[in-house]
Amino acid sequence: MKTFTRLAATVLCAAALVTPGTAQAADLNDPQLKDIAMQLVSSAENSSLDWRAQFGYIQDIDDGRGYTAGIIGFCSGTGDMLDLVRLYRDWKPGNALEKYLPALERVNGTPSHDGLDPNFQGDWQSAAQDGTFQGAQEHERDRVYFDPAVNRAKQDGVQALGQFAYYDAIVMHGDGWGDLDFSSIRQRALNTGARPPAQGGDEVQWLHAFLDARVWTMKQEPAHEDTSRVDTAQRRFLNEGKLNLERPLQWHVYGDAYEIG
């Protein structure tokens, strides 16, 4: 999922920059479109469209990031799980996960489970029944991933599909840490000569360049070598001209077929 040293969530300008001749970007914050985005991510992260069933998900998927958990794959080794549990403590002191904060601080940046085993997984699953913890997960998903991605995409003048492509990239790669993060993917696309609509470019050409850069980045890590979440999902929508994620949507991830009618 994500990479070490997680995204420092910078608040980006939310206004879409639209130049003459550029389509007004649809807003992925629209509740129906946002729900579609969550289902698309869940199909890749959890092999299910039921993203609301994933609050209690937790396992070590052997990608060097420790435990991966929750609706967006918060990781014990990348800092976002630590931030989430800190927020949960602030919102509900004395909760079942608060006692793991010292261990989460120690293992941050490593794949270690030291101080978390043997009860952390069970306590996470129990906490996931708590509406406060569910709210904290949604808050951190939006603060760290969804809002920065959508705001950057709207600045670039892309519509809902492009906004989702940015979001999915930040979910997997994080931002603000190095050569394989979201900003580096975007820069790699710019280096090809493609330009986003807000800079006078063609939206379809820009998104193809962005997805090409994303695929290259995924292939740099063994855990991400399967690029079907791009090749047979996002790229398929782009080739079908569904720049606003118009339904029906049909796609494959890791060989499994999905549809939103």
Protein backbone atom coordinates (compact mmCIF):
# COMPACT_ATOMS: atom_id res chain seq x y z
CA MET A 1 0.00 0.00 0.00
CA LYS A 2 1.80 3.19 1.16
CA THR A 3 5.47 3.85 1.50
CA PHE A 4 7.68 4.81 4.42
CA THR A 5 7.66 8.37 5.73
CA ARG A 6 4.09 9.26 4.98
CA LEU A 7 2.52 12.24 3.34
CA ALA A 8 2.75 15.48 5.24
CA ALA A 9 -0.80 16.65 4.69
CA THR A 10 -0.52 20.13 3.20
CA VAL A 11 -3.72 22.04 2.67
CA LEU A 12 -3.89 22.89 -1.03
CA CYS A 13 -5.99 25.56 -2.66
CA ALA A 14 -9.41 24.05 -3.25
CA ALA A 15 -10.39 26.25 -6.18
CA ALA A 16 -10.24 24.60 -9.58
CA LEU A 17 -8.05 26.53 -11.99
CA VAL A 18 -9.93 26.49 -15.28
CA THR A 19 -8.46 28.05 -18.39
CA PRO A 20 -10.46 28.97 -21.48
CA GLY A 21 -11.45 25.83 -23.35
CA THR A 22 -10.90 23.63 -20.28
CA ALA A 23 -13.83 21.62 -18.93
CA GLN A 24 -14.96 22.52 -15.46
CA ALA A 25 -13.66 19.78 -13.18
CA ALA A 26 -16.33 17.67 -11.54
CA ASP A 27 -15.92 17.51 -7.80
CA LEU A 28 -15.18 14.09 -6.36
CA ASN A 29 -16.53 15.47 -3.08
CA ASP A 30 -20.01 14.94 -4.52
CA PRO A 31 -21.35 12.20 -2.19
CA GLN A 32 -22.21 9.79 -5.01
CA LEU A 33 -18.86 10.23 -6.75
CA LYS A 34 -16.96 9.99 -3.48
CA ASP A 35 -18.72 6.73 -2.68
CA ILE A 36 -17.72 5.40 -6.10
CA ALA A 37 -14.11 6.40 -5.36
CA MET A 38 -14.22 4.52 -2.06
CA GLN A 39 -15.61 1.43 -3.79
CA LEU A 40 -12.92 1.55 -6.46
CA VAL A 41 -10.14 1.77 -3.88
CA SER A 42 -11.72 -0.98 -1.81
CA SER A 43 -11.83 -3.29 -4.82
CA ALA A 44 -8.04 -3.00 -5.05
CA GLU A 45 -7.22 -2.84 -1.35
CA ASN A 46 -9.77 -5.32 0.02
CA SER A 47 -11.19 -7.24 -2.96
CA SER A 48 -14.63 -5.89 -2.07
CA LEU A 49 -16.83 -2.95 -3.00
CA ASP A 50 -18.15 -2.75 0.57
CA TRP A 51 -15.64 -0.23 1.87
CA ARG A 52 -17.66 0.38 5.03
CA ALA A 53 -17.01 -3.22 6.04
CA GLN A 54 -13.27 -2.54 6.20
CA PHE A 55 -12.97 -0.48 9.40
CA GLY A 56 -11.88 -3.65 11.21
CA TYR A 57 -9.60 -5.00 8.50
CA ILE A 58 -6.05 -5.63 9.73
CA GLN A 59 -3.19 -7.84 8.59
CA ASP A 60 0.49 -7.80 7.73
CA ILE A 61 0.65 -8.20 3.95
CA ASP A 62 4.46 -8.59 3.99
CA ASP A 63 5.17 -5.37 2.14
CA GLY A 64 7.61 -4.01 4.71
CA ARG A 65 5.09 -1.63 6.24
CA GLY A 66 4.00 -3.62 9.28
CA TYR A 67 0.29 -3.95 9.89
CA THR A 68 -2.07 -2.62 7.22
CA ALA A 69 -5.53 -1.79 8.54
CA GLY A 70 -8.79 0.06 8.17
CA ILE A 71 -10.69 1.62 5.29
CA ILE A 72 -7.64 3.05 3.52
CA GLY A 73 -4.85 0.76 4.66
CA PHE A 74 -3.32 2.73 7.53
CA CYS A 75 0.10 1.19 8.21
CA SER A 76 1.97 0.77 11.49
CA GLY A 77 5.25 1.38 9.65
CA THR A 78 4.36 4.57 7.80
CA GLY A 79 3.06 6.97 10.44
CA ASP A 80 -0.55 7.28 9.35
CA MET A 81 -1.74 4.57 11.75
CA LEU A 82 0.09 6.34 14.57
CA ASP A 83 -1.62 9.62 13.70
CA LEU A 84 -4.99 7.86 13.55
CA VAL A 85 -4.63 6.26 16.98
CA ARG A 86 -3.49 9.59 18.43
CA LEU A 87 -6.63 11.23 17.04
CA TYR A 88 -8.78 8.43 18.47
CA ARG A 89 -7.16 9.01 21.86
CA ASP A 90 -7.95 12.73 21.61
CA TRP A 91 -11.56 12.06 20.65
CA LYS A 92 -12.08 9.20 23.13
CA PRO A 93 -9.50 9.01 25.93
CA GLY A 94 -9.05 5.59 27.47
CA ASN A 95 -10.03 3.66 24.35
CA ALA A 96 -8.75 0.15 23.68
CA LEU A 97 -5.99 1.26 21.28
CA GLU A 98 -4.49 4.10 23.31
CA LYS A 99 -2.17 1.73 25.19
CA TYR A 100 -0.43 0.85 21.92
CA LEU A 101 0.75 4.40 21.21
CA PRO A 102 4.25 3.87 22.67
CA ALA A 103 4.68 0.75 20.55
CA LEU A 104 3.37 2.49 17.43
CA GLU A 105 5.85 5.28 18.01
CA ARG A 106 8.71 2.74 18.28
CA VAL A 107 7.81 0.74 15.17
CA ASN A 108 7.09 3.75 12.97
CA GLY A 109 9.31 3.49 9.90
CA THR A 110 9.84 -0.26 10.32
CA PRO A 111 7.93 -3.49 9.62
CA SER A 112 8.20 -4.54 13.27
CA HIS A 113 5.28 -5.72 15.43
CA ASP A 114 7.27 -5.17 18.62
CA GLY A 115 4.90 -4.21 21.43
CA LEU A 116 1.82 -4.78 19.26
CA ASP A 117 1.51 -8.54 19.32
CA PRO A 118 -0.31 -10.63 20.37
CA ASN A 119 -3.46 -8.55 21.01
CA PHE A 120 -3.30 -5.55 18.72
CA GLN A 121 -5.23 -7.12 15.85
CA GLY A 122 -8.08 -8.20 18.10
CA ASP A 123 -8.21 -4.83 19.85
CA TRP A 124 -8.27 -3.05 16.46
CA GLN A 125 -11.19 -5.19 15.34
CA SER A 126 -13.05 -4.47 18.57
CA ALA A 127 -12.38 -0.73 18.30
CA ALA A 128 -13.71 -0.80 14.74
CA GLN A 129 -17.19 -1.38 16.13
CA ASP A 130 -16.99 2.06 17.78
CA GLY A 131 -18.53 4.87 15.75
CA THR A 132 -15.92 7.27 17.15
CA PHE A 133 -13.11 5.17 15.73
CA GLN A 134 -14.90 4.85 12.41
CA GLY A 135 -15.25 8.62 12.29
CA ALA A 136 -11.56 9.03 13.08
CA GLN A 137 -10.65 6.73 10.19
CA GLU A 138 -12.79 8.72 7.76
CA HIS A 139 -11.36 12.00 9.09
CA GLU A 140 -7.76 10.86 8.55
CA ARG A 141 -8.54 9.34 5.16
CA ASP A 142 -9.84 12.71 4.02
CA ARG A 143 -7.20 14.86 5.72
CA VAL A 144 -4.17 12.89 4.58
CA TYR A 145 -5.24 11.44 1.25
CA PHE A 146 -8.57 12.42 -0.26
CA ASP A 147 -8.60 16.18 0.23
CA PRO A 148 -4.99 16.86 -0.88
CA ALA A 149 -5.42 14.61 -3.94
CA VAL A 150 -8.72 16.11 -5.06
CA ASN A 151 -7.55 19.67 -4.47
CA ARG A 152 -4.37 19.10 -6.48
CA ALA A 153 -6.40 17.50 -9.28
CA LYS A 154 -8.83 20.42 -9.35
CA GLN A 155 -5.90 22.80 -9.56
CA ASP A 156 -4.78 20.81 -12.60
CA GLY A 157 -8.26 21.16 -14.10
CA VAL A 158 -9.08 17.45 -14.35
CA GLN A 159 -12.51 15.94 -13.85
CA ALA A 160 -13.67 13.14 -11.55
CA LEU A 161 -11.65 10.33 -13.16
CA GLY A 162 -8.46 12.34 -12.90
CA GLN A 163 -9.26 13.31 -9.33
CA PHE A 164 -9.69 9.63 -8.54
CA ALA A 165 -6.43 8.72 -10.29
CA TYR A 166 -4.59 11.23 -8.09
CA TYR A 167 -6.32 9.94 -4.98
CA ASP A 168 -5.53 6.30 -5.71
CA ALA A 169 -1.89 7.23 -6.33
CA ILE A 170 -1.59 9.05 -3.00
CA VAL A 171 -3.27 6.14 -1.21
CA MET A 172 -0.62 3.76 -2.48
CA HIS A 173 2.49 5.93 -2.71
CA GLY A 174 2.04 8.75 -0.20
CA ASP A 175 3.59 12.14 -0.86
CA GLY A 176 6.38 14.37 0.34
CA TRP A 177 9.04 11.74 0.90
CA GLY A 178 11.03 10.86 -2.23
CA ASP A 179 11.36 9.57 -5.76
CA LEU A 180 8.42 7.17 -5.73
CA ASP A 181 5.72 9.37 -4.22
CA PHE A 182 2.71 11.09 -5.76
CA SER A 183 4.51 14.33 -6.57
CA SER A 184 7.26 12.39 -8.33
CA ILE A 185 4.66 10.54 -10.40
CA ARG A 186 3.12 13.84 -11.44
CA GLN A 187 6.55 15.30 -12.26
CA ARG A 188 7.45 12.23 -14.33
CA ALA A 189 4.29 12.83 -16.36
CA LEU A 190 5.23 16.50 -16.83
CA ASN A 191 8.70 15.45 -17.96
CA THR A 192 7.15 13.70 -20.96
CA GLY A 193 5.89 17.05 -22.24
CA ALA A 194 2.27 16.35 -21.34
CA ARG A 195 0.43 19.14 -19.57
CA PRO A 196 -2.73 19.16 -17.43
CA PRO A 197 -5.75 21.12 -18.70
CA ALA A 198 -5.05 24.05 -16.36
CA GLN A 199 -1.73 24.49 -18.21
CA GLY A 200 -3.37 24.28 -21.62
CA GLY A 201 -2.97 20.55 -22.15
CA ASP A 202 -5.42 17.90 -23.32
CA GLU A 203 -7.04 16.11 -20.38
CA VAL A 204 -6.99 12.63 -21.94
CA GLN A 205 -3.35 12.91 -23.00
CA TRP A 206 -2.41 14.21 -19.58
CA LEU A 207 -4.14 11.38 -17.75
CA HIS A 208 -2.51 8.78 -20.00
CA ALA A 209 0.88 10.32 -19.16
CA PHE A 210 0.03 10.33 -15.46
CA LEU A 211 -1.08 6.69 -15.53
CA ASP A 212 2.07 5.72 -17.48
CA ALA A 213 4.15 7.36 -14.76
CA ARG A 214 2.10 5.63 -12.08
CA VAL A 215 2.63 2.20 -13.68
CA TRP A 216 6.39 2.81 -13.89
CA THR A 217 6.45 3.74 -10.21
CA MET A 218 4.43 0.70 -9.16
CA LYS A 219 6.85 -1.59 -10.94
CA GLN A 220 9.73 -0.31 -8.84
CA GLU A 221 8.38 -2.19 -5.81
CA PRO A 222 7.72 -5.94 -5.77
CA ALA A 223 4.58 -5.45 -3.65
CA HIS A 224 3.08 -3.24 -6.38
CA GLU A 225 4.13 -5.07 -9.53
CA ASP A 226 0.55 -6.01 -10.39
CA THR A 227 -0.67 -2.84 -12.09
CA SER A 228 -4.20 -4.01 -12.88
CA ARG A 229 -5.76 -1.32 -10.67
CA VAL A 230 -4.46 1.07 -13.33
CA ASP A 231 -4.40 -1.05 -16.50
CA THR A 232 -7.84 -2.68 -16.31
CA ALA A 233 -9.62 -0.09 -14.19
CA GLN A 234 -8.52 3.56 -14.47
CA ARG A 235 -7.08 3.17 -17.96
CA ARG A 236 -10.22 1.35 -19.07
CA PHE A 237 -12.41 4.21 -17.85
CA LEU A 238 -10.16 6.69 -19.63
CA ASN A 239 -10.30 4.76 -22.91
CA GLU A 240 -14.09 4.64 -22.57
CA GLY A 241 -14.21 8.42 -22.21
CA LYS A 242 -15.67 8.30 -18.71
CA LEU A 243 -13.90 11.41 -17.46
CA ASN A 244 -16.61 11.97 -14.85
CA LEU A 245 -16.81 8.30 -13.79
CA GLU A 246 -20.12 7.92 -15.58
CA ARG A 247 -21.92 4.71 -14.72
CA PRO A 248 -22.08 1.88 -15.45
CA LEU A 249 -18.45 1.20 -14.55
CA GLN A 250 -16.95 -2.21 -15.19
CA TRP A 251 -13.38 -3.14 -14.34
CA HIS A 252 -10.99 -5.87 -13.19
CA VAL A 253 -8.46 -5.80 -10.36
CA TYR A 254 -6.09 -8.71 -9.72
CA GLY A 255 -8.22 -10.79 -12.07
CA ASP A 256 -11.52 -10.16 -10.25
CA ALA A 257 -14.42 -8.47 -12.06
CA TYR A 258 -16.42 -5.60 -10.53
CA GLU A 259 -19.28 -3.39 -11.64
CA ILE A 260 -21.07 -0.30 -10.38
CA GLY A 261 -24.33 0.03 -12.29
